Amino acid sequence: MDAIAVATMWQEAMYLIVMLVVVIILPSLVVGLVVSTFQAATQINEQTLSFLPRLLTTLFAVIIAGPWLLRNMVEFTQQLIANIPFMVF
């Protein structure tokens, strides 16, 4: 296995990880920003008001994007396993 093959696998894995995390974290980040703006405008400093909407948004994002996330992970794993004979000398 040469260095280019390892670097390519590493790059593909890191790209996949970033894409999977962004799909889950970005909606929660947006909801957290909206809730924080609401809290700043109304001067309500309740921790559960900030936590619960972000939790529900994250769960909803996982439910909605779950099949896509799983499909991407399975495709990458299958590609990785299929390429094992070509990487070993």
PDB file of N, CA and C in Angstrom:
ATOM      1  N   MET A   1       0.855  -1.164   0.000  1.00  0.00           N
ATOM      2  CA  MET A   1       0.000   0.000   0.000  1.00  0.00           C
ATOM      3  C   MET A   1       0.904   1.231   0.000  1.00  0.00           C
ATOM      4  N   ASP A   2       0.674   2.094  -0.951  1.00  0.00           N
ATOM      5  CA  ASP A   2       1.513   3.279  -1.027  1.00  0.00           C
ATOM      6  C   ASP A   2       0.886   4.449  -0.270  1.00  0.00           C
ATOM      7  N   ALA A   3       1.652   5.494  -0.150  1.00  0.00           N
ATOM      8  CA  ALA A   3       1.212   6.653   0.638  1.00  0.00           C
ATOM      9  C   ALA A   3       0.030   7.363  -0.009  1.00  0.00           C
ATOM     10  N   ILE A   4      -0.062   7.333  -1.310  1.00  0.00           N
ATOM     11  CA  ILE A   4      -1.167   8.010  -2.006  1.00  0.00           C
ATOM     12  C   ILE A   4      -2.487   7.309  -1.704  1.00  0.00           C
ATOM     13  N   ALA A   5      -2.485   5.988  -1.680  1.00  0.00           N
ATOM     14  CA  ALA A   5      -3.705   5.242  -1.375  1.00  0.00           C
ATOM     15  C   ALA A   5      -4.158   5.504   0.063  1.00  0.00           C
ATOM     16  N   VAL A   6      -3.209   5.551   0.973  1.00  0.00           N
ATOM     17  CA  VAL A   6      -3.552   5.836   2.370  1.00  0.00           C
ATOM     18  C   VAL A   6      -4.095   7.245   2.507  1.00  0.00           C
ATOM     19  N   ALA A   7      -3.466   8.203   1.854  1.00  0.00           N
ATOM     20  CA  ALA A   7      -3.930   9.594   1.916  1.00  0.00           C
ATOM     21  C   ALA A   7      -5.312   9.745   1.300  1.00  0.00           C
ATOM     22  N   THR A   8      -5.573   9.034   0.227  1.00  0.00           N
ATOM     23  CA  THR A   8      -6.888   9.096  -0.414  1.00  0.00           C
ATOM     24  C   THR A   8      -7.969   8.504   0.487  1.00  0.00           C
ATOM     25  N   MET A   9      -7.672   7.349   1.094  1.00  0.00           N
ATOM     26  CA  MET A   9      -8.631   6.746   2.026  1.00  0.00           C
ATOM     27  C   MET A   9      -8.895   7.673   3.201  1.00  0.00           C
ATOM     28  N   TRP A  10      -7.839   8.263   3.738  1.00  0.00           N
ATOM     29  CA  TRP A  10      -7.975   9.173   4.872  1.00  0.00           C
ATOM     30  C   TRP A  10      -8.812  10.392   4.480  1.00  0.00           C
ATOM     31  N   GLN A  11      -8.571  10.941   3.303  1.00  0.00           N
ATOM     32  CA  GLN A  11      -9.320  12.106   2.840  1.00  0.00           C
ATOM     33  C   GLN A  11     -10.801  11.769   2.667  1.00  0.00           C
ATOM     34  N   GLU A  12     -11.103  10.634   2.079  1.00  0.00           N
ATOM     35  CA  GLU A  12     -12.492  10.221   1.903  1.00  0.00           C
ATOM     36  C   GLU A  12     -13.180   9.985   3.246  1.00  0.00           C
ATOM     37  N   ALA A  13     -12.466   9.385   4.189  1.00  0.00           N
ATOM     38  CA  ALA A  13     -13.039   9.129   5.513  1.00  0.00           C
ATOM     39  C   ALA A  13     -13.313  10.436   6.250  1.00  0.00           C
ATOM     40  N   MET A  14     -12.385  11.367   6.201  1.00  0.00           N
ATOM     41  CA  MET A  14     -12.580  12.646   6.883  1.00  0.00           C
ATOM     42  C   MET A  14     -13.716  13.450   6.244  1.00  0.00           C
ATOM     43  N   TYR A  15     -13.814  13.413   4.928  1.00  0.00           N
ATOM     44  CA  TYR A  15     -14.911  14.107   4.243  1.00  0.00           C
ATOM     45  C   TYR A  15     -16.258  13.510   4.648  1.00  0.00           C
ATOM     46  N   LEU A  16     -16.325  12.188   4.715  1.00  0.00           N
ATOM     47  CA  LEU A  16     -17.557  11.516   5.122  1.00  0.00           C
ATOM     48  C   LEU A  16     -17.931  11.878   6.559  1.00  0.00           C
ATOM     49  N   ILE A  17     -16.956  11.895   7.445  1.00  0.00           N
ATOM     50  CA  ILE A  17     -17.223  12.245   8.843  1.00  0.00           C
ATOM     51  C   ILE A  17     -17.746  13.668   8.948  1.00  0.00           C
ATOM     52  N   VAL A  18     -17.126  14.587   8.243  1.00  0.00           N
ATOM     53  CA  VAL A  18     -17.569  15.989   8.292  1.00  0.00           C
ATOM     54  C   VAL A  18     -18.986  16.115   7.753  1.00  0.00           C
ATOM     55  N   MET A  19     -19.289  15.452   6.654  1.00  0.00           N
ATOM     56  CA  MET A  19     -20.634  15.543   6.082  1.00  0.00           C
ATOM     57  C   MET A  19     -21.688  14.950   7.027  1.00  0.00           C
ATOM     58  N   LEU A  20     -21.383  13.846   7.664  1.00  0.00           N
ATOM     59  CA  LEU A  20     -22.329  13.226   8.582  1.00  0.00           C
ATOM     60  C   LEU A  20     -22.565  14.101   9.810  1.00  0.00           C
ATOM     61  N   VAL A  21     -21.514  14.709  10.316  1.00  0.00           N
ATOM     62  CA  VAL A  21     -21.653  15.552  11.502  1.00  0.00           C
ATOM     63  C   VAL A  21     -22.384  16.841  11.178  1.00  0.00           C
ATOM     64  N   VAL A  22     -22.100  17.435  10.025  1.00  0.00           N
ATOM     65  CA  VAL A  22     -22.743  18.704   9.653  1.00  0.00           C
ATOM     66  C   VAL A  22     -24.246  18.526   9.519  1.00  0.00           C
ATOM     67  N   VAL A  23     -24.674  17.411   8.963  1.00  0.00           N
ATOM     68  CA  VAL A  23     -26.107  17.165   8.792  1.00  0.00           C
ATOM     69  C   VAL A  23     -26.820  17.114  10.145  1.00  0.00           C
ATOM     70  N   ILE A  24     -26.157  16.644  11.159  1.00  0.00           N
ATOM     71  CA  ILE A  24     -26.776  16.534  12.479  1.00  0.00           C
ATOM     72  C   ILE A  24     -26.620  17.832  13.281  1.00  0.00           C
ATOM     73  N   ILE A  25     -25.467  18.463  13.213  1.00  0.00           N
ATOM     74  CA  ILE A  25     -25.162  19.606  14.067  1.00  0.00           C
ATOM     75  C   ILE A  25     -25.724  20.923  13.542  1.00  0.00           C
ATOM     76  N   LEU A  26     -25.758  21.118  12.234  1.00  0.00           N
ATOM     77  CA  LEU A  26     -26.178  22.410  11.680  1.00  0.00           C
ATOM     78  C   LEU A  26     -27.604  22.808  12.073  1.00  0.00           C
ATOM     79  N   PRO A  27     -28.596  21.925  11.979  1.00  0.00           N
ATOM     80  CA  PRO A  27     -29.941  22.339  12.435  1.00  0.00           C
ATOM     81  C   PRO A  27     -29.981  22.694  13.920  1.00  0.00           C
ATOM     82  N   SER A  28     -29.249  21.963  14.731  1.00  0.00           N
ATOM     83  CA  SER A  28     -29.198  22.261  16.152  1.00  0.00           C
ATOM     84  C   SER A  28     -28.537  23.613  16.405  1.00  0.00           C
ATOM     85  N   LEU A  29     -27.531  23.929  15.630  1.00  0.00           N
ATOM     86  CA  LEU A  29     -26.862  25.216  15.754  1.00  0.00           C
ATOM     87  C   LEU A  29     -27.799  26.366  15.415  1.00  0.00           C
ATOM     88  N   VAL A  30     -28.579  26.211  14.355  1.00  0.00           N
ATOM     89  CA  VAL A  30     -29.531  27.242  13.955  1.00  0.00           C
ATOM     90  C   VAL A  30     -30.603  27.432  15.021  1.00  0.00           C
ATOM     91  N   VAL A  31     -31.149  26.341  15.530  1.00  0.00           N
ATOM     92  CA  VAL A  31     -32.174  26.431  16.570  1.00  0.00           C
ATOM     93  C   VAL A  31     -31.590  27.046  17.839  1.00  0.00           C
ATOM     94  N   GLY A  32     -30.380  26.683  18.197  1.00  0.00           N
ATOM     95  CA  GLY A  32     -29.732  27.271  19.362  1.00  0.00           C
ATOM     96  C   GLY A  32     -29.540  28.768  19.212  1.00  0.00           C
ATOM     97  N   LEU A  33     -29.201  29.219  18.010  1.00  0.00           N
ATOM     98  CA  LEU A  33     -29.042  30.646  17.752  1.00  0.00           C
ATOM     99  C   LEU A  33     -30.367  31.388  17.888  1.00  0.00           C
ATOM    100  N   VAL A  34     -31.428  30.794  17.357  1.00  0.00           N
ATOM    101  CA  VAL A  34     -32.753  31.416  17.459  1.00  0.00           C
ATOM    102  C   VAL A  34     -33.209  31.480  18.919  1.00  0.00           C
ATOM    103  N   VAL A  35     -33.031  30.409  19.651  1.00  0.00           N
ATOM    104  CA  VAL A  35     -33.440  30.377  21.058  1.00  0.00           C
ATOM    105  C   VAL A  35     -32.603  31.358  21.875  1.00  0.00           C
ATOM    106  N   SER A  36     -31.311  31.438  21.607  1.00  0.00           N
ATOM    107  CA  SER A  36     -30.459  32.382  22.334  1.00  0.00           C
ATOM    108  C   SER A  36     -30.855  33.814  22.046  1.00  0.00           C
ATOM    109  N   THR A  37     -31.220  34.103  20.806  1.00  0.00           N
ATOM    110  CA  THR A  37     -31.690  35.449  20.468  1.00  0.00           C
ATOM    111  C   THR A  37     -32.986  35.755  21.201  1.00  0.00           C
ATOM    112  N   PHE A  38     -33.883  34.779  21.261  1.00  0.00           N
ATOM    113  CA  PHE A  38     -35.137  34.955  21.993  1.00  0.00           C
ATOM    114  C   PHE A  38     -34.865  35.188  23.477  1.00  0.00           C
ATOM    115  N   GLN A  39     -33.948  34.417  24.049  1.00  0.00           N
ATOM    116  CA  GLN A  39     -33.616  34.580  25.461  1.00  0.00           C
ATOM    117  C   GLN A  39     -32.988  35.946  25.737  1.00  0.00           C
ATOM    118  N   ALA A  40     -32.145  36.409  24.831  1.00  0.00           N
ATOM    119  CA  ALA A  40     -31.522  37.718  25.022  1.00  0.00           C
ATOM    120  C   ALA A  40     -32.558  38.836  24.907  1.00  0.00           C
ATOM    121  N   ALA A  41     -33.511  38.672  24.006  1.00  0.00           N
ATOM    122  CA  ALA A  41     -34.531  39.707  23.823  1.00  0.00           C
ATOM    123  C   ALA A  41     -35.494  39.765  24.998  1.00  0.00           C
ATOM    124  N   THR A  42     -35.815  38.626  25.575  1.00  0.00           N
ATOM    125  CA  THR A  42     -36.787  38.592  26.671  1.00  0.00           C
ATOM    126  C   THR A  42     -36.129  38.520  28.047  1.00  0.00           C
ATOM    127  N   GLN A  43     -34.817  38.402  28.108  1.00  0.00           N
ATOM    128  CA  GLN A  43     -34.040  38.288  29.343  1.00  0.00           C
ATOM    129  C   GLN A  43     -34.475  37.096  30.198  1.00  0.00           C
ATOM    130  N   ILE A  44     -34.842  36.021  29.524  1.00  0.00           N
ATOM    131  CA  ILE A  44     -35.154  34.765  30.205  1.00  0.00           C
ATOM    132  C   ILE A  44     -33.884  33.920  30.201  1.00  0.00           C
ATOM    133  N   ASN A  45     -33.412  33.529  31.353  1.00  0.00           N
ATOM    134  CA  ASN A  45     -32.177  32.755  31.452  1.00  0.00           C
ATOM    135  C   ASN A  45     -32.458  31.351  31.975  1.00  0.00           C
ATOM    136  N   GLU A  46     -33.350  30.670  31.341  1.00  0.00           N
ATOM    137  CA  GLU A  46     -33.691  29.310  31.738  1.00  0.00           C
ATOM    138  C   GLU A  46     -32.880  28.329  30.885  1.00  0.00           C
ATOM    139  N   GLN A  47     -32.133  27.425  31.518  1.00  0.00           N
ATOM    140  CA  GLN A  47     -31.275  26.497  30.797  1.00  0.00           C
ATOM    141  C   GLN A  47     -32.066  25.478  29.990  1.00  0.00           C
ATOM    142  N   THR A  48     -33.201  25.034  30.515  1.00  0.00           N
ATOM    143  CA  THR A  48     -33.975  24.033  29.789  1.00  0.00           C
ATOM    144  C   THR A  48     -34.596  24.611  28.532  1.00  0.00           C
ATOM    145  N   LEU A  49     -34.841  25.918  28.509  1.00  0.00           N
ATOM    146  CA  LEU A  49     -35.380  26.554  27.308  1.00  0.00           C
ATOM    147  C   LEU A  49     -34.374  26.486  26.170  1.00  0.00           C
ATOM    148  N   SER A  50     -33.117  26.475  26.499  1.00  0.00           N
ATOM    149  CA  SER A  50     -32.073  26.373  25.484  1.00  0.00           C
ATOM    150  C   SER A  50     -31.802  24.915  25.104  1.00  0.00           C
ATOM    151  N   PHE A  51     -31.848  24.025  26.069  1.00  0.00           N
ATOM    152  CA  PHE A  51     -31.446  22.638  25.842  1.00  0.00           C
ATOM    153  C   PHE A  51     -32.493  21.819  25.096  1.00  0.00           C
ATOM    154  N   LEU A  52     -33.730  21.917  25.495  1.00  0.00           N
ATOM    155  CA  LEU A  52     -34.779  21.057  24.941  1.00  0.00           C
ATOM    156  C   LEU A  52     -35.006  21.248  23.443  1.00  0.00           C
ATOM    157  N   PRO A  53     -35.110  22.482  22.920  1.00  0.00           N
ATOM    158  CA  PRO A  53     -35.285  22.611  21.467  1.00  0.00           C
ATOM    159  C   PRO A  53     -34.104  22.067  20.663  1.00  0.00           C
ATOM    160  N   ARG A  54     -32.891  22.266  21.174  1.00  0.00           N
ATOM    161  CA  ARG A  54     -31.731  21.722  20.461  1.00  0.00           C
ATOM    162  C   ARG A  54     -31.727  20.199  20.476  1.00  0.00           C
ATOM    163  N   LEU A  55     -32.110  19.609  21.598  1.00  0.00           N
ATOM    164  CA  LEU A  55     -32.190  18.158  21.699  1.00  0.00           C
ATOM    165  C   LEU A  55     -33.229  17.606  20.729  1.00  0.00           C
ATOM    166  N   LEU A  56     -34.400  18.210  20.714  1.00  0.00           N
ATOM    167  CA  LEU A  56     -35.461  17.744  19.807  1.00  0.00           C
ATOM    168  C   LEU A  56     -35.069  17.929  18.347  1.00  0.00           C
ATOM    169  N   THR A  57     -34.410  19.035  18.047  1.00  0.00           N
ATOM    170  CA  THR A  57     -33.957  19.268  16.667  1.00  0.00           C
ATOM    171  C   THR A  57     -32.915  18.237  16.246  1.00  0.00           C
ATOM    172  N   THR A  58     -32.008  17.916  17.146  1.00  0.00           N
ATOM    173  CA  THR A  58     -30.990  16.912  16.835  1.00  0.00           C
ATOM    174  C   THR A  58     -31.634  15.544  16.618  1.00  0.00           C
ATOM    175  N   LEU A  59     -32.558  15.169  17.474  1.00  0.00           N
ATOM    176  CA  LEU A  59     -33.252  13.894  17.295  1.00  0.00           C
ATOM    177  C   LEU A  59     -34.041  13.863  15.991  1.00  0.00           C
ATOM    178  N   PHE A  60     -34.714  14.960  15.672  1.00  0.00           N
ATOM    179  CA  PHE A  60     -35.474  15.041  14.423  1.00  0.00           C
ATOM    180  C   PHE A  60     -34.540  14.949  13.215  1.00  0.00           C
ATOM    181  N   ALA A  61     -33.377  15.596  13.290  1.00  0.00           N
ATOM    182  CA  ALA A  61     -32.407  15.533  12.189  1.00  0.00           C
ATOM    183  C   ALA A  61     -31.885  14.107  12.000  1.00  0.00           C
ATOM    184  N   VAL A  62     -31.658  13.400  13.100  1.00  0.00           N
ATOM    185  CA  VAL A  62     -31.187  12.012  12.999  1.00  0.00           C
ATOM    186  C   VAL A  62     -32.272  11.130  12.411  1.00  0.00           C
ATOM    187  N   ILE A  63     -33.517  11.363  12.796  1.00  0.00           N
ATOM    188  CA  ILE A  63     -34.622  10.560  12.263  1.00  0.00           C
ATOM    189  C   ILE A  63     -34.797  10.803  10.770  1.00  0.00           C
ATOM    190  N   ILE A  64     -34.746  12.076  10.367  1.00  0.00           N
ATOM    191  CA  ILE A  64     -34.952  12.416   8.958  1.00  0.00           C
ATOM    192  C   ILE A  64     -33.761  11.989   8.101  1.00  0.00           C
ATOM    193  N   ALA A  65     -32.544  12.290   8.560  1.00  0.00           N
ATOM    194  CA  ALA A  65     -31.353  12.029   7.749  1.00  0.00           C
ATOM    195  C   ALA A  65     -30.730  10.668   8.032  1.00  0.00           C
ATOM    196  N   GLY A  66     -31.287   9.912   8.953  1.00  0.00           N
ATOM    197  CA  GLY A  66     -30.723   8.624   9.328  1.00  0.00           C
ATOM    198  C   GLY A  66     -30.495   7.661   8.177  1.00  0.00           C
ATOM    199  N   PRO A  67     -31.493   7.449   7.308  1.00  0.00           N
ATOM    200  CA  PRO A  67     -31.256   6.528   6.184  1.00  0.00           C
ATOM    201  C   PRO A  67     -30.132   6.987   5.258  1.00  0.00           C
ATOM    202  N   TRP A  68     -30.050   8.292   5.006  1.00  0.00           N
ATOM    203  CA  TRP A  68     -28.980   8.819   4.157  1.00  0.00           C
ATOM    204  C   TRP A  68     -27.620   8.645   4.827  1.00  0.00           C
ATOM    205  N   LEU A  69     -27.561   8.935   6.137  1.00  0.00           N
ATOM    206  CA  LEU A  69     -26.318   8.782   6.877  1.00  0.00           C
ATOM    207  C   LEU A  69     -25.851   7.325   6.858  1.00  0.00           C
ATOM    208  N   LEU A  70     -26.759   6.418   7.134  1.00  0.00           N
ATOM    209  CA  LEU A  70     -26.425   4.996   7.162  1.00  0.00           C
ATOM    210  C   LEU A  70     -26.005   4.499   5.783  1.00  0.00           C
ATOM    211  N   ARG A  71     -26.707   4.939   4.737  1.00  0.00           N
ATOM    212  CA  ARG A  71     -26.362   4.527   3.378  1.00  0.00           C
ATOM    213  C   ARG A  71     -24.946   4.971   3.016  1.00  0.00           C
ATOM    214  N   ASN A  72     -24.578   6.212   3.376  1.00  0.00           N
ATOM    215  CA  ASN A  72     -23.233   6.703   3.074  1.00  0.00           C
ATOM    216  C   ASN A  72     -22.167   5.922   3.837  1.00  0.00           C
ATOM    217  N   MET A  73     -22.431   5.617   5.100  1.00  0.00           N
ATOM    218  CA  MET A  73     -21.457   4.845   5.879  1.00  0.00           C
ATOM    219  C   MET A  73     -21.301   3.428   5.330  1.00  0.00           C
ATOM    220  N   VAL A  74     -22.411   2.792   4.945  1.00  0.00           N
ATOM    221  CA  VAL A  74     -22.357   1.436   4.408  1.00  0.00           C
ATOM    222  C   VAL A  74     -21.632   1.427   3.061  1.00  0.00           C
ATOM    223  N   GLU A  75     -21.902   2.418   2.193  1.00  0.00           N
ATOM    224  CA  GLU A  75     -21.228   2.482   0.896  1.00  0.00           C
ATOM    225  C   GLU A  75     -19.722   2.664   1.073  1.00  0.00           C
ATOM    226  N   PHE A  76     -19.331   3.533   2.002  1.00  0.00           N
ATOM    227  CA  PHE A  76     -17.900   3.736   2.239  1.00  0.00           C
ATOM    228  C   PHE A  76     -17.253   2.466   2.775  1.00  0.00           C
ATOM    229  N   THR A  77     -17.921   1.800   3.697  1.00  0.00           N
ATOM    230  CA  THR A  77     -17.375   0.568   4.268  1.00  0.00           C
ATOM    231  C   THR A  77     -17.271  -0.525   3.208  1.00  0.00           C
ATOM    232  N   GLN A  78     -18.281  -0.657   2.364  1.00  0.00           N
ATOM    233  CA  GLN A  78     -18.226  -1.651   1.294  1.00  0.00           C
ATOM    234  C   GLN A  78     -17.096  -1.345   0.317  1.00  0.00           C
ATOM    235  N   GLN A  79     -16.927  -0.072  -0.013  1.00  0.00           N
ATOM    236  CA  GLN A  79     -15.848   0.326  -0.912  1.00  0.00           C
ATOM    237  C   GLN A  79     -14.491   0.032  -0.283  1.00  0.00           C
ATOM    238  N   LEU A  80     -14.378   0.300   1.005  1.00  0.00           N
ATOM    239  CA  LEU A  80     -13.126   0.050   1.711  1.00  0.00           C
ATOM    240  C   LEU A  80     -12.804  -1.444   1.748  1.00  0.00           C
ATOM    241  N   ILE A  81     -13.799  -2.258   2.060  1.00  0.00           N
ATOM    242  CA  ILE A  81     -13.583  -3.714   2.119  1.00  0.00           C
ATOM    243  C   ILE A  81     -13.306  -4.284   0.733  1.00  0.00           C
ATOM    244  N   ALA A  82     -13.984  -3.770  -0.283  1.00  0.00           N
ATOM    245  CA  ALA A  82     -13.758  -4.261  -1.645  1.00  0.00           C
ATOM    246  C   ALA A  82     -12.359  -3.919  -2.151  1.00  0.00           C
ATOM    247  N   ASN A  83     -11.782  -2.846  -1.661  1.00  0.00           N
ATOM    248  CA  ASN A  83     -10.451  -2.429  -2.127  1.00  0.00           C
ATOM    249  C   ASN A  83      -9.303  -3.031  -1.331  1.00  0.00           C
ATOM    250  N   ILE A  84      -9.586  -3.823  -0.325  1.00  0.00           N
ATOM    251  CA  ILE A  84      -8.526  -4.426   0.490  1.00  0.00           C
ATOM    252  C   ILE A  84      -7.564  -5.282  -0.356  1.00  0.00           C
ATOM    253  N   PRO A  85      -8.055  -6.135  -1.260  1.00  0.00           N
ATOM    254  CA  PRO A  85      -7.094  -6.939  -2.056  1.00  0.00           C
ATOM    255  C   PRO A  85      -6.168  -6.101  -2.923  1.00  0.00           C
ATOM    256  N   PHE A  86      -6.605  -4.941  -3.359  1.00  0.00           N
ATOM    257  CA  PHE A  86      -5.782  -4.099  -4.206  1.00  0.00           C
ATOM    258  C   PHE A  86      -4.775  -3.284  -3.405  1.00  0.00           C
ATOM    259  N   MET A  87      -5.005  -3.167  -2.107  1.00  0.00           N
ATOM    260  CA  MET A  87      -4.116  -2.366  -1.264  1.00  0.00           C
ATOM    261  C   MET A  87      -3.006  -3.201  -0.625  1.00  0.00           C
ATOM    262  N   VAL A  88      -3.217  -4.514  -0.529  1.00  0.00           N
ATOM    263  CA  VAL A  88      -2.221  -5.385   0.090  1.00  0.00           C
ATOM    264  C   VAL A  88      -1.353  -5.971  -1.010  1.00  0.00           C
ATOM    265  N   PHE A  89      -0.065  -5.937  -0.803  1.00  0.00           N
ATOM    266  CA  PHE A  89       0.844  -6.446  -1.840  1.00  0.00           C
ATOM    267  C   PHE A  89       1.068  -7.913  -1.686  1.00  0.00           C
TER     268      PHE A  89
END
